[in-house]
Amino acid sequence: MVEKRYAMASADQLHIEHFLSASCFSDHLTRTGIDLPTRELLTLSMLVALGGCEGHVKGRSPWRR
């Protein structure tokens, strides 16, 4: 998905896509101190509390087997 968004981004928006992918995926998923299931539960809780984020909440985690 990330590579697809890079390919679709215009030259002046590519830096935003790089920032989003680093912020949303690599930085948060590689941090230590909290296991992945707890991290997912906290993320879901924050999205529900914000409201209007239903598009992010449907489906299973892509990192689960």
C-alpha atoms as a PDB file:
ATOM      1  CA  MET A   1       0.000   0.000   0.000  1.00  0.00           C
ATOM      2  CA  VAL A   2       2.803   2.407   0.883  1.00  0.00           C
ATOM      3  CA  GLU A   3       4.606   1.833  -2.418  1.00  0.00           C
ATOM      4  CA  LYS A   4       1.332   2.336  -4.288  1.00  0.00           C
ATOM      5  CA  ARG A   5       0.798   5.693  -2.576  1.00  0.00           C
ATOM      6  CA  TYR A   6       4.366   6.729  -3.435  1.00  0.00           C
ATOM      7  CA  ALA A   7       3.740   5.900  -7.082  1.00  0.00           C
ATOM      8  CA  MET A   8       0.441   7.829  -7.142  1.00  0.00           C
ATOM      9  CA  ALA A   9       1.804  10.956  -5.419  1.00  0.00           C
ATOM     10  CA  SER A  10       2.788  13.984  -7.440  1.00  0.00           C
ATOM     11  CA  ALA A  11       6.363  15.250  -7.122  1.00  0.00           C
ATOM     12  CA  ASP A  12       5.375  18.057  -4.766  1.00  0.00           C
ATOM     13  CA  GLN A  13       3.392  15.696  -2.488  1.00  0.00           C
ATOM     14  CA  LEU A  14       5.857  12.826  -2.291  1.00  0.00           C
ATOM     15  CA  HIS A  15       7.497  14.241   0.849  1.00  0.00           C
ATOM     16  CA  ILE A  16       4.119  14.104   2.601  1.00  0.00           C
ATOM     17  CA  GLU A  17       3.701  10.428   1.692  1.00  0.00           C
ATOM     18  CA  HIS A  18       7.181   9.672   3.053  1.00  0.00           C
ATOM     19  CA  PHE A  19       6.345  11.510   6.287  1.00  0.00           C
ATOM     20  CA  LEU A  20       3.024   9.691   6.689  1.00  0.00           C
ATOM     21  CA  SER A  21       4.466   6.241   6.081  1.00  0.00           C
ATOM     22  CA  ALA A  22       7.326   6.877   8.517  1.00  0.00           C
ATOM     23  CA  SER A  23       5.010   8.299  11.163  1.00  0.00           C
ATOM     24  CA  CYS A  24       2.174   5.823  10.803  1.00  0.00           C
ATOM     25  CA  PHE A  25       4.102   2.612  10.273  1.00  0.00           C
ATOM     26  CA  SER A  26       7.832   2.349  10.825  1.00  0.00           C
ATOM     27  CA  ASP A  27       8.267   4.651  13.832  1.00  0.00           C
ATOM     28  CA  HIS A  28       5.361   3.225  15.803  1.00  0.00           C
ATOM     29  CA  LEU A  29       5.738  -0.428  14.875  1.00  0.00           C
ATOM     30  CA  THR A  30       9.429  -0.610  15.724  1.00  0.00           C
ATOM     31  CA  ARG A  31       9.233   0.993  19.159  1.00  0.00           C
ATOM     32  CA  THR A  32       9.867  -1.231  22.146  1.00  0.00           C
ATOM     33  CA  GLY A  33       8.205  -1.362  25.560  1.00  0.00           C
ATOM     34  CA  ILE A  34       4.698  -2.391  24.518  1.00  0.00           C
ATOM     35  CA  ASP A  35       3.575  -5.524  22.693  1.00  0.00           C
ATOM     36  CA  LEU A  36       1.728  -5.386  19.365  1.00  0.00           C
ATOM     37  CA  PRO A  37      -1.727  -6.515  20.619  1.00  0.00           C
ATOM     38  CA  THR A  38      -1.715  -3.816  23.324  1.00  0.00           C
ATOM     39  CA  ARG A  39      -0.534  -1.209  20.809  1.00  0.00           C
ATOM     40  CA  GLU A  40      -3.361  -2.171  18.434  1.00  0.00           C
ATOM     41  CA  LEU A  41      -5.924  -1.943  21.229  1.00  0.00           C
ATOM     42  CA  LEU A  42      -4.680   1.510  22.205  1.00  0.00           C
ATOM     43  CA  THR A  43      -4.757   2.668  18.590  1.00  0.00           C
ATOM     44  CA  LEU A  44      -8.304   1.375  18.148  1.00  0.00           C
ATOM     45  CA  SER A  45      -9.374   3.082  21.381  1.00  0.00           C
ATOM     46  CA  MET A  46      -7.929   6.408  20.234  1.00  0.00           C
ATOM     47  CA  LEU A  47      -9.611   6.150  16.821  1.00  0.00           C
ATOM     48  CA  VAL A  48     -12.984   5.373  18.409  1.00  0.00           C
ATOM     49  CA  ALA A  49     -12.579   8.269  20.844  1.00  0.00           C
ATOM     50  CA  LEU A  50     -11.831  10.658  17.965  1.00  0.00           C
ATOM     51  CA  GLY A  51     -14.944   9.622  16.051  1.00  0.00           C
ATOM     52  CA  GLY A  52     -15.411   9.670  12.301  1.00  0.00           C
ATOM     53  CA  CYS A  53     -12.579   7.176  11.769  1.00  0.00           C
ATOM     54  CA  GLU A  54     -14.668   4.165  10.741  1.00  0.00           C
ATOM     55  CA  GLY A  55     -12.626   3.667   7.573  1.00  0.00           C
ATOM     56  CA  HIS A  56      -9.563   2.933   9.689  1.00  0.00           C
ATOM     57  CA  VAL A  57     -11.316   0.554  12.045  1.00  0.00           C
ATOM     58  CA  LYS A  58     -12.863  -2.065   9.760  1.00  0.00           C
ATOM     59  CA  GLY A  59     -11.083  -5.345   9.152  1.00  0.00           C
ATOM     60  CA  ARG A  60      -8.286  -7.263  10.842  1.00  0.00           C
ATOM     61  CA  SER A  61      -4.782  -6.076  11.410  1.00  0.00           C
ATOM     62  CA  PRO A  62      -2.484  -6.840   8.447  1.00  0.00           C
ATOM     63  CA  TRP A  63       0.269  -7.803  10.911  1.00  0.00           C
ATOM     64  CA  ARG A  64      -1.702 -10.635  12.506  1.00  0.00           C
ATOM     65  CA  ARG A  65      -1.424 -14.166  11.155  1.00  0.00           C
END
